[in-house]
C-alpha atoms as a PDB file:
ATOM      1  CA  MET A   1      38.082  84.956  59.064  1.00  0.00           C
ATOM      2  CA  THR A   2      39.174  82.582  56.359  1.00  0.00           C
ATOM      3  CA  ASP A   3      42.067  80.146  56.426  1.00  0.00           C
ATOM      4  CA  GLY A   4      44.073  82.404  54.101  1.00  0.00           C
ATOM      5  CA  THR A   5      43.673  85.351  56.456  1.00  0.00           C
ATOM      6  CA  LEU A   6      44.616  83.293  59.510  1.00  0.00           C
ATOM      7  CA  ALA A   7      47.845  82.229  57.793  1.00  0.00           C
ATOM      8  CA  LEU A   8      48.901  85.899  57.574  1.00  0.00           C
ATOM      9  CA  VAL A   9      48.575  86.556  61.319  1.00  0.00           C
ATOM     10  CA  PRO A  10      51.915  84.973  62.364  1.00  0.00           C
ATOM     11  CA  SER A  11      53.741  86.724  59.501  1.00  0.00           C
ATOM     12  CA  LEU A  12      52.170  90.059  60.388  1.00  0.00           C
ATOM     13  CA  ALA A  13      53.062  89.602  64.071  1.00  0.00           C
ATOM     14  CA  ALA A  14      56.669  88.780  63.185  1.00  0.00           C
ATOM     15  CA  ALA A  15      56.922  91.794  60.867  1.00  0.00           C
ATOM     16  CA  LEU A  16      55.549  94.135  63.548  1.00  0.00           C
ATOM     17  CA  SER A  17      57.977  92.745  66.129  1.00  0.00           C
ATOM     18  CA  VAL A  18      60.962  93.291  63.831  1.00  0.00           C
ATOM     19  CA  LEU A  19      59.843  96.808  62.891  1.00  0.00           C
ATOM     20  CA  THR A  20      59.360  97.719  66.576  1.00  0.00           C
ATOM     21  CA  ALA A  21      62.826  96.418  67.443  1.00  0.00           C
ATOM     22  CA  VAL A  22      64.446  98.334  64.573  1.00  0.00           C
ATOM     23  CA  ALA A  23      62.582 101.508  65.535  1.00  0.00           C
ATOM     24  CA  ALA A  24      63.746 101.222  69.148  1.00  0.00           C
ATOM     25  CA  LEU A  25      67.412 100.607  68.247  1.00  0.00           C
ATOM     26  CA  PRO A  26      68.500 104.274  67.771  1.00  0.00           C
ATOM     27  CA  GLY A  27      67.094 105.194  71.165  1.00  0.00           C
ATOM     28  CA  LEU A  28      69.019 102.380  72.806  1.00  0.00           C
ATOM     29  CA  LEU A  29      72.274 103.327  71.080  1.00  0.00           C
ATOM     30  CA  VAL A  30      71.990 107.014  71.969  1.00  0.00           C
ATOM     31  CA  GLY A  31      71.804 106.153  75.662  1.00  0.00           C
ATOM     32  CA  ALA A  32      75.046 104.121  75.588  1.00  0.00           C
ATOM     33  CA  PRO A  33      77.881 105.968  77.357  1.00  0.00           C
ATOM     34  CA  GLU A  34      81.006 106.855  75.398  1.00  0.00           C
ATOM     35  CA  PRO A  35      84.166 105.042  76.529  1.00  0.00           C
ATOM     36  CA  THR A  36      86.545 107.270  78.468  1.00  0.00           C
ATOM     37  CA  LEU A  37      90.168 106.972  79.480  1.00  0.00           C
ATOM     38  CA  ARG A  38      90.844 106.397  83.141  1.00  0.00           C
ATOM     39  CA  LEU A  39      93.680 108.054  84.977  1.00  0.00           C
ATOM     40  CA  PRO A  40      96.543 105.809  86.099  1.00  0.00           C
ATOM     41  CA  VAL A  41      95.802 103.978  89.347  1.00  0.00           C
ATOM     42  CA  ALA A  42      99.100 104.870  91.015  1.00  0.00           C
ATOM     43  CA  PRO A  43     100.760 108.296  91.143  1.00  0.00           C
ATOM     44  CA  ALA A  44     103.419 109.133  88.549  1.00  0.00           C
ATOM     45  CA  THR A  45     106.126 108.719  91.199  1.00  0.00           C
ATOM     46  CA  ALA A  46     105.179 105.082  91.789  1.00  0.00           C
ATOM     47  CA  LEU A  47     107.551 102.256  90.982  1.00  0.00           C
ATOM     48  CA  VAL A  48     106.649 100.759  87.593  1.00  0.00           C
ATOM     49  CA  LEU A  49     106.990  97.039  86.969  1.00  0.00           C
ATOM     50  CA  VAL A  50     106.616  96.070  83.328  1.00  0.00           C
ATOM     51  CA  LEU A  51     105.683  92.417  82.989  1.00  0.00           C
ATOM     52  CA  ALA A  52     105.618  90.415  79.785  1.00  0.00           C
ATOM     53  CA  LYS A  53     104.691  86.828  79.094  1.00  0.00           C
ATOM     54  CA  SER A  54     106.085  84.975  76.090  1.00  0.00           C
ATOM     55  CA  ASN A  55     104.420  82.378  73.893  1.00  0.00           C
ATOM     56  CA  SER A  56     106.379  79.691  75.736  1.00  0.00           C
ATOM     57  CA  GLY A  57     104.996  80.847  79.113  1.00  0.00           C
ATOM     58  CA  VAL A  58     108.145  82.594  80.389  1.00  0.00           C
ATOM     59  CA  TRP A  59     107.527  85.711  82.495  1.00  0.00           C
ATOM     60  CA  TYR A  60     109.762  88.777  82.128  1.00  0.00           C
ATOM     61  CA  ALA A  61     109.961  91.572  84.710  1.00  0.00           C
ATOM     62  CA  ASN A  62     111.454  94.762  83.269  1.00  0.00           C
ATOM     63  CA  GLY A  63     113.143  92.649  80.568  1.00  0.00           C
ATOM     64  CA  THR A  64     114.604  90.000  82.882  1.00  0.00           C
ATOM     65  CA  PRO A  65     113.283  86.411  82.860  1.00  0.00           C
ATOM     66  CA  VAL A  66     111.655  85.546  86.195  1.00  0.00           C
ATOM     67  CA  PRO A  67     110.335  82.159  87.371  1.00  0.00           C
ATOM     68  CA  GLN A  68     106.586  82.293  88.055  1.00  0.00           C
ATOM     69  CA  LEU A  69     106.925  81.403  91.751  1.00  0.00           C
ATOM     70  CA  GLN A  70     109.490  84.151  92.285  1.00  0.00           C
ATOM     71  CA  LEU A  71     107.260  86.636  90.449  1.00  0.00           C
ATOM     72  CA  ALA A  72     104.282  85.695  92.627  1.00  0.00           C
ATOM     73  CA  ARG A  73     106.356  86.241  95.771  1.00  0.00           C
ATOM     74  CA  ARG A  74     107.611  89.584  94.465  1.00  0.00           C
ATOM     75  CA  LEU A  75     104.103  90.784  93.632  1.00  0.00           C
ATOM     76  CA  ARG A  76     102.767  89.866  97.080  1.00  0.00           C
ATOM     77  CA  GLN A  77     105.633  91.715  98.786  1.00  0.00           C
ATOM     78  CA  GLN A  78     105.203  94.957  96.863  1.00  0.00           C
ATOM     79  CA  GLY A  79     102.993  97.648  98.301  1.00  0.00           C
ATOM     80  CA  PRO A  80     100.104  99.504  96.693  1.00  0.00           C
ATOM     81  CA  THR A  81     102.480 102.142  95.246  1.00  0.00           C
ATOM     82  CA  LEU A  82     103.695  99.605  92.686  1.00  0.00           C
ATOM     83  CA  ARG A  83     102.320 100.220  89.206  1.00  0.00           C
ATOM     84  CA  ILE A  84     102.056  97.012  87.149  1.00  0.00           C
ATOM     85  CA  ARG A  85     101.922  97.122  83.352  1.00  0.00           C
ATOM     86  CA  PHE A  86     101.331  93.815  81.563  1.00  0.00           C
ATOM     87  CA  LEU A  87     102.463  93.417  77.940  1.00  0.00           C
ATOM     88  CA  PRO A  88     101.369  90.020  76.631  1.00  0.00           C
ATOM     89  CA  SER A  89     103.160  88.494  73.678  1.00  0.00           C
ATOM     90  CA  PRO A  90     101.223  89.009  70.432  1.00  0.00           C
ATOM     91  CA  GLY A  91     101.350  85.222  69.956  1.00  0.00           C
ATOM     92  CA  LEU A  92      99.234  84.536  73.057  1.00  0.00           C
ATOM     93  CA  THR A  93      95.577  83.736  72.573  1.00  0.00           C
ATOM     94  CA  THR A  94      92.882  85.850  74.171  1.00  0.00           C
ATOM     95  CA  ALA A  95      92.220  83.044  76.666  1.00  0.00           C
ATOM     96  CA  GLN A  96      95.918  82.932  77.633  1.00  0.00           C
ATOM     97  CA  VAL A  97      96.008  86.713  78.129  1.00  0.00           C
ATOM     98  CA  SER A  98      92.866  86.492  80.255  1.00  0.00           C
ATOM     99  CA  GLU A  99      94.385  83.710  82.378  1.00  0.00           C
ATOM    100  CA  ALA A 100      97.596  85.703  82.835  1.00  0.00           C
ATOM    101  CA  MET A 101      95.637  88.803  83.890  1.00  0.00           C
ATOM    102  CA  ALA A 102      93.632  86.762  86.389  1.00  0.00           C
ATOM    103  CA  TRP A 103      96.847  85.254  87.759  1.00  0.00           C
ATOM    104  CA  LEU A 104      98.420  88.719  88.127  1.00  0.00           C
ATOM    105  CA  ARG A 105      95.332  90.078  89.906  1.00  0.00           C
ATOM    106  CA  ARG A 106      95.336  87.145  92.344  1.00  0.00           C
ATOM    107  CA  HIS A 107      98.978  87.655  93.275  1.00  0.00           C
ATOM    108  CA  SER A 108      99.322  91.450  93.288  1.00  0.00           C
ATOM    109  CA  ARG A 109      98.064  93.950  95.808  1.00  0.00           C
ATOM    110  CA  THR A 110      97.456  96.630  93.204  1.00  0.00           C
ATOM    111  CA  ALA A 111      95.677  97.027  89.867  1.00  0.00           C
ATOM    112  CA  VAL A 112      97.195  95.561  86.717  1.00  0.00           C
ATOM    113  CA  GLN A 113      97.190  97.670  83.560  1.00  0.00           C
ATOM    114  CA  LEU A 114      96.974  95.751  80.280  1.00  0.00           C
ATOM    115  CA  GLU A 115      98.992  97.261  77.438  1.00  0.00           C
ATOM    116  CA  LEU A 116      98.807  95.854  73.967  1.00  0.00           C
ATOM    117  CA  ALA A 117     101.791  96.163  71.631  1.00  0.00           C
ATOM    118  CA  HIS A 118     101.317  98.695  68.868  1.00  0.00           C
ATOM    119  CA  GLN A 119     101.738  97.191  65.435  1.00  0.00           C
ATOM    120  CA  GLY A 120     102.769  99.580  62.742  1.00  0.00           C
END
């Protein structure tokens, strides 16, 4: 082989790798499961607690401001029939929403359902 031919080997290898990856992509995407809706965790007769957190960090329980320590105590005291819906303020960052969800999961004895405000 000549030097000119040897220079083409890395380019040819890279081109074959890219073509193989592109050819395999449809097969990988077809196998991905479609997202499905899950049924509510608690029965419809369960007590619903709607929690919201403002940009300033104030928690609201069913529209009433609640100190964080009092909310933590209330969540620990509630049984598994409590259904918790969390509506974060649209002004919160994704990291702040994630931190709030983690905090709610640590202090509650039931699942927390995240609900995003509909903008329209």
